[in-house]
């Protein structure tokens, strides 16, 4: 199925069932645009383990220094890293991959805090 690519004012790039949304400024940066667009077309679905692995791998050909500069200079792209956010046309968007990642991070931090407190108290 061929997906339509739409330019939007928020996020970096998101893959939905019917389209791929790309930040409106991204096409001005071909060293970012081409690898990110290829990455988005490489997704097999929205919430599969294959997609999680796909997102956790490095994007081939992406200049990460330029990518982080792009993100830091455009606060509207920061929504990309939220697990739950509001989309003007889709309503609440739940990014299950980010929910899984943040849950794991919170659990790891909580376990570490518990053990450090237990060691500090001498339990």
C-alpha atoms as a PDB file:
ATOM      1  CA  UNK A   1       0.000   0.000   0.000  1.00  0.00           C
ATOM      2  CA  UNK A   2       1.393   3.376  -1.033  1.00  0.00           C
ATOM      3  CA  UNK A   3       1.190   5.936   1.765  1.00  0.00           C
ATOM      4  CA  UNK A   4       0.736   9.644   1.283  1.00  0.00           C
ATOM      5  CA  UNK A   5       3.397  11.892   2.858  1.00  0.00           C
ATOM      6  CA  UNK A   6       1.916  14.945   4.583  1.00  0.00           C
ATOM      7  CA  UNK A   7       3.817  17.955   5.936  1.00  0.00           C
ATOM      8  CA  UNK A   8       2.846  19.029   9.467  1.00  0.00           C
ATOM      9  CA  UNK A   9       3.939  21.662  12.019  1.00  0.00           C
ATOM     10  CA  UNK A  10       4.756  19.253  14.874  1.00  0.00           C
ATOM     11  CA  UNK A  11       6.822  16.156  15.584  1.00  0.00           C
ATOM     12  CA  UNK A  12       9.615  14.913  13.331  1.00  0.00           C
ATOM     13  CA  UNK A  13       7.993  11.992  11.522  1.00  0.00           C
ATOM     14  CA  UNK A  14       5.066   9.733  12.362  1.00  0.00           C
ATOM     15  CA  UNK A  15       3.735   6.689  10.558  1.00  0.00           C
ATOM     16  CA  UNK A  16      -0.026   6.139  10.650  1.00  0.00           C
ATOM     17  CA  UNK A  17      -2.236   3.608   8.881  1.00  0.00           C
ATOM     18  CA  UNK A  18      -3.206   6.038   6.134  1.00  0.00           C
ATOM     19  CA  UNK A  19      -0.193   8.376   5.837  1.00  0.00           C
ATOM     20  CA  UNK A  20       3.230   9.424   6.996  1.00  0.00           C
ATOM     21  CA  UNK A  21       3.491  12.863   8.594  1.00  0.00           C
ATOM     22  CA  UNK A  22       6.797  14.730   8.284  1.00  0.00           C
ATOM     23  CA  UNK A  23       7.713  18.067   9.886  1.00  0.00           C
ATOM     24  CA  UNK A  24       7.294  20.860   7.326  1.00  0.00           C
ATOM     25  CA  UNK A  25      10.928  22.008   7.678  1.00  0.00           C
ATOM     26  CA  UNK A  26      12.458  18.551   7.211  1.00  0.00           C
ATOM     27  CA  UNK A  27      12.507  18.592   3.357  1.00  0.00           C
ATOM     28  CA  UNK A  28      14.888  21.595   3.583  1.00  0.00           C
ATOM     29  CA  UNK A  29      17.452  19.189   5.127  1.00  0.00           C
ATOM     30  CA  UNK A  30      17.969  16.359   2.604  1.00  0.00           C
ATOM     31  CA  UNK A  31      20.585  14.639   4.813  1.00  0.00           C
ATOM     32  CA  UNK A  32      17.803  14.240   7.379  1.00  0.00           C
ATOM     33  CA  UNK A  33      14.726  13.983   5.179  1.00  0.00           C
ATOM     34  CA  UNK A  34      15.785  11.068   2.974  1.00  0.00           C
ATOM     35  CA  UNK A  35      16.973   8.696   5.753  1.00  0.00           C
ATOM     36  CA  UNK A  36      14.010   9.554   8.012  1.00  0.00           C
ATOM     37  CA  UNK A  37      11.505   9.024   5.194  1.00  0.00           C
ATOM     38  CA  UNK A  38      13.134   5.665   4.322  1.00  0.00           C
ATOM     39  CA  UNK A  39      12.944   4.751   8.014  1.00  0.00           C
ATOM     40  CA  UNK A  40       9.225   5.576   8.169  1.00  0.00           C
ATOM     41  CA  UNK A  41       8.490   3.522   5.050  1.00  0.00           C
ATOM     42  CA  UNK A  42      10.377   0.635   6.704  1.00  0.00           C
ATOM     43  CA  UNK A  43       7.757   0.256   9.436  1.00  0.00           C
ATOM     44  CA  UNK A  44       5.630  -2.893   9.128  1.00  0.00           C
ATOM     45  CA  UNK A  45       2.802  -1.792  11.431  1.00  0.00           C
ATOM     46  CA  UNK A  46       2.020   0.454  14.349  1.00  0.00           C
ATOM     47  CA  UNK A  47       2.588  -1.640  17.455  1.00  0.00           C
ATOM     48  CA  UNK A  48       4.555  -4.786  16.610  1.00  0.00           C
ATOM     49  CA  UNK A  49       7.814  -5.930  18.183  1.00  0.00           C
ATOM     50  CA  UNK A  50       9.378  -5.586  14.728  1.00  0.00           C
ATOM     51  CA  UNK A  51       8.467  -1.894  14.752  1.00  0.00           C
ATOM     52  CA  UNK A  52       9.947  -1.447  18.223  1.00  0.00           C
ATOM     53  CA  UNK A  53      13.205  -3.047  17.050  1.00  0.00           C
ATOM     54  CA  UNK A  54      13.066  -0.914  13.897  1.00  0.00           C
ATOM     55  CA  UNK A  55      12.783   2.259  15.993  1.00  0.00           C
ATOM     56  CA  UNK A  56      15.566   1.234  18.392  1.00  0.00           C
ATOM     57  CA  UNK A  57      18.079   0.627  15.585  1.00  0.00           C
ATOM     58  CA  UNK A  58      20.215   3.445  14.226  1.00  0.00           C
ATOM     59  CA  UNK A  59      18.855   5.008  11.065  1.00  0.00           C
ATOM     60  CA  UNK A  60      21.368   4.322   8.254  1.00  0.00           C
ATOM     61  CA  UNK A  61      22.746   7.478   6.660  1.00  0.00           C
ATOM     62  CA  UNK A  62      21.269   9.859   9.244  1.00  0.00           C
ATOM     63  CA  UNK A  63      23.526  12.668  10.442  1.00  0.00           C
ATOM     64  CA  UNK A  64      22.634  12.579  14.146  1.00  0.00           C
ATOM     65  CA  UNK A  65      24.438  15.831  14.966  1.00  0.00           C
ATOM     66  CA  UNK A  66      22.280  17.636  12.410  1.00  0.00           C
ATOM     67  CA  UNK A  67      19.207  15.706  13.618  1.00  0.00           C
ATOM     68  CA  UNK A  68      19.610  16.828  17.245  1.00  0.00           C
ATOM     69  CA  UNK A  69      20.287  20.392  16.121  1.00  0.00           C
ATOM     70  CA  UNK A  70      17.056  20.241  14.077  1.00  0.00           C
ATOM     71  CA  UNK A  71      15.092  19.013  17.104  1.00  0.00           C
ATOM     72  CA  UNK A  72      16.606  21.419  19.634  1.00  0.00           C
ATOM     73  CA  UNK A  73      15.933  24.466  17.451  1.00  0.00           C
ATOM     74  CA  UNK A  74      12.269  23.515  16.849  1.00  0.00           C
ATOM     75  CA  UNK A  75      10.298  22.975  20.075  1.00  0.00           C
ATOM     76  CA  UNK A  76       7.304  21.768  18.031  1.00  0.00           C
ATOM     77  CA  UNK A  77       9.289  18.584  17.271  1.00  0.00           C
ATOM     78  CA  UNK A  78       9.567  17.665  20.958  1.00  0.00           C
ATOM     79  CA  UNK A  79       6.103  16.088  20.858  1.00  0.00           C
ATOM     80  CA  UNK A  80       7.828  13.245  18.985  1.00  0.00           C
ATOM     81  CA  UNK A  81       9.158  11.892  22.281  1.00  0.00           C
ATOM     82  CA  UNK A  82       5.935  11.986  24.307  1.00  0.00           C
ATOM     83  CA  UNK A  83       4.132   8.694  24.934  1.00  0.00           C
ATOM     84  CA  UNK A  84       0.699  10.397  24.865  1.00  0.00           C
ATOM     85  CA  UNK A  85      -0.069  13.653  23.095  1.00  0.00           C
ATOM     86  CA  UNK A  86      -2.843  15.567  21.334  1.00  0.00           C
ATOM     87  CA  UNK A  87      -3.013  15.522  17.516  1.00  0.00           C
ATOM     88  CA  UNK A  88      -5.152  18.283  15.963  1.00  0.00           C
ATOM     89  CA  UNK A  89      -6.995  15.830  13.647  1.00  0.00           C
ATOM     90  CA  UNK A  90      -6.577  12.433  15.350  1.00  0.00           C
ATOM     91  CA  UNK A  91      -7.256  13.435  18.963  1.00  0.00           C
ATOM     92  CA  UNK A  92      -5.183  11.678  21.609  1.00  0.00           C
ATOM     93  CA  UNK A  93      -2.291   9.699  20.135  1.00  0.00           C
ATOM     94  CA  UNK A  94      -0.866   6.848  22.198  1.00  0.00           C
ATOM     95  CA  UNK A  95       2.642   5.888  21.122  1.00  0.00           C
ATOM     96  CA  UNK A  96       2.824   2.377  22.527  1.00  0.00           C
ATOM     97  CA  UNK A  97       6.535   2.065  21.753  1.00  0.00           C
ATOM     98  CA  UNK A  98       7.311   5.106  23.887  1.00  0.00           C
ATOM     99  CA  UNK A  99       4.928   3.879  26.586  1.00  0.00           C
ATOM    100  CA  UNK A 100       6.853   0.575  26.714  1.00  0.00           C
ATOM    101  CA  UNK A 101      10.253   2.314  26.743  1.00  0.00           C
ATOM    102  CA  UNK A 102       9.272   4.835  29.440  1.00  0.00           C
ATOM    103  CA  UNK A 103       7.673   2.099  31.568  1.00  0.00           C
ATOM    104  CA  UNK A 104      10.881   0.055  31.429  1.00  0.00           C
ATOM    105  CA  UNK A 105      12.968   3.125  32.320  1.00  0.00           C
ATOM    106  CA  UNK A 106      10.699   4.009  35.252  1.00  0.00           C
ATOM    107  CA  UNK A 107      10.864   0.425  36.531  1.00  0.00           C
ATOM    108  CA  UNK A 108      14.661   0.347  36.248  1.00  0.00           C
ATOM    109  CA  UNK A 109      15.028   3.660  38.075  1.00  0.00           C
ATOM    110  CA  UNK A 110      12.545   2.566  40.763  1.00  0.00           C
ATOM    111  CA  UNK A 111      14.381  -0.715  41.366  1.00  0.00           C
ATOM    112  CA  UNK A 112      17.704   1.119  41.597  1.00  0.00           C
ATOM    113  CA  UNK A 113      16.301   3.679  44.029  1.00  0.00           C
ATOM    114  CA  UNK A 114      14.827   0.875  46.146  1.00  0.00           C
ATOM    115  CA  UNK A 115      18.156  -0.973  46.325  1.00  0.00           C
ATOM    116  CA  UNK A 116      20.158   2.178  47.062  1.00  0.00           C
ATOM    117  CA  UNK A 117      17.742   3.104  49.840  1.00  0.00           C
ATOM    118  CA  UNK A 118      17.891  -0.443  51.204  1.00  0.00           C
ATOM    119  CA  UNK A 119      21.713  -0.317  51.218  1.00  0.00           C
ATOM    120  CA  UNK A 120      21.713   3.147  52.801  1.00  0.00           C
ATOM    121  CA  UNK A 121      19.315   2.083  55.578  1.00  0.00           C
ATOM    122  CA  UNK A 122      21.260  -1.136  56.106  1.00  0.00           C
ATOM    123  CA  UNK A 123      18.320  -3.418  55.368  1.00  0.00           C
END
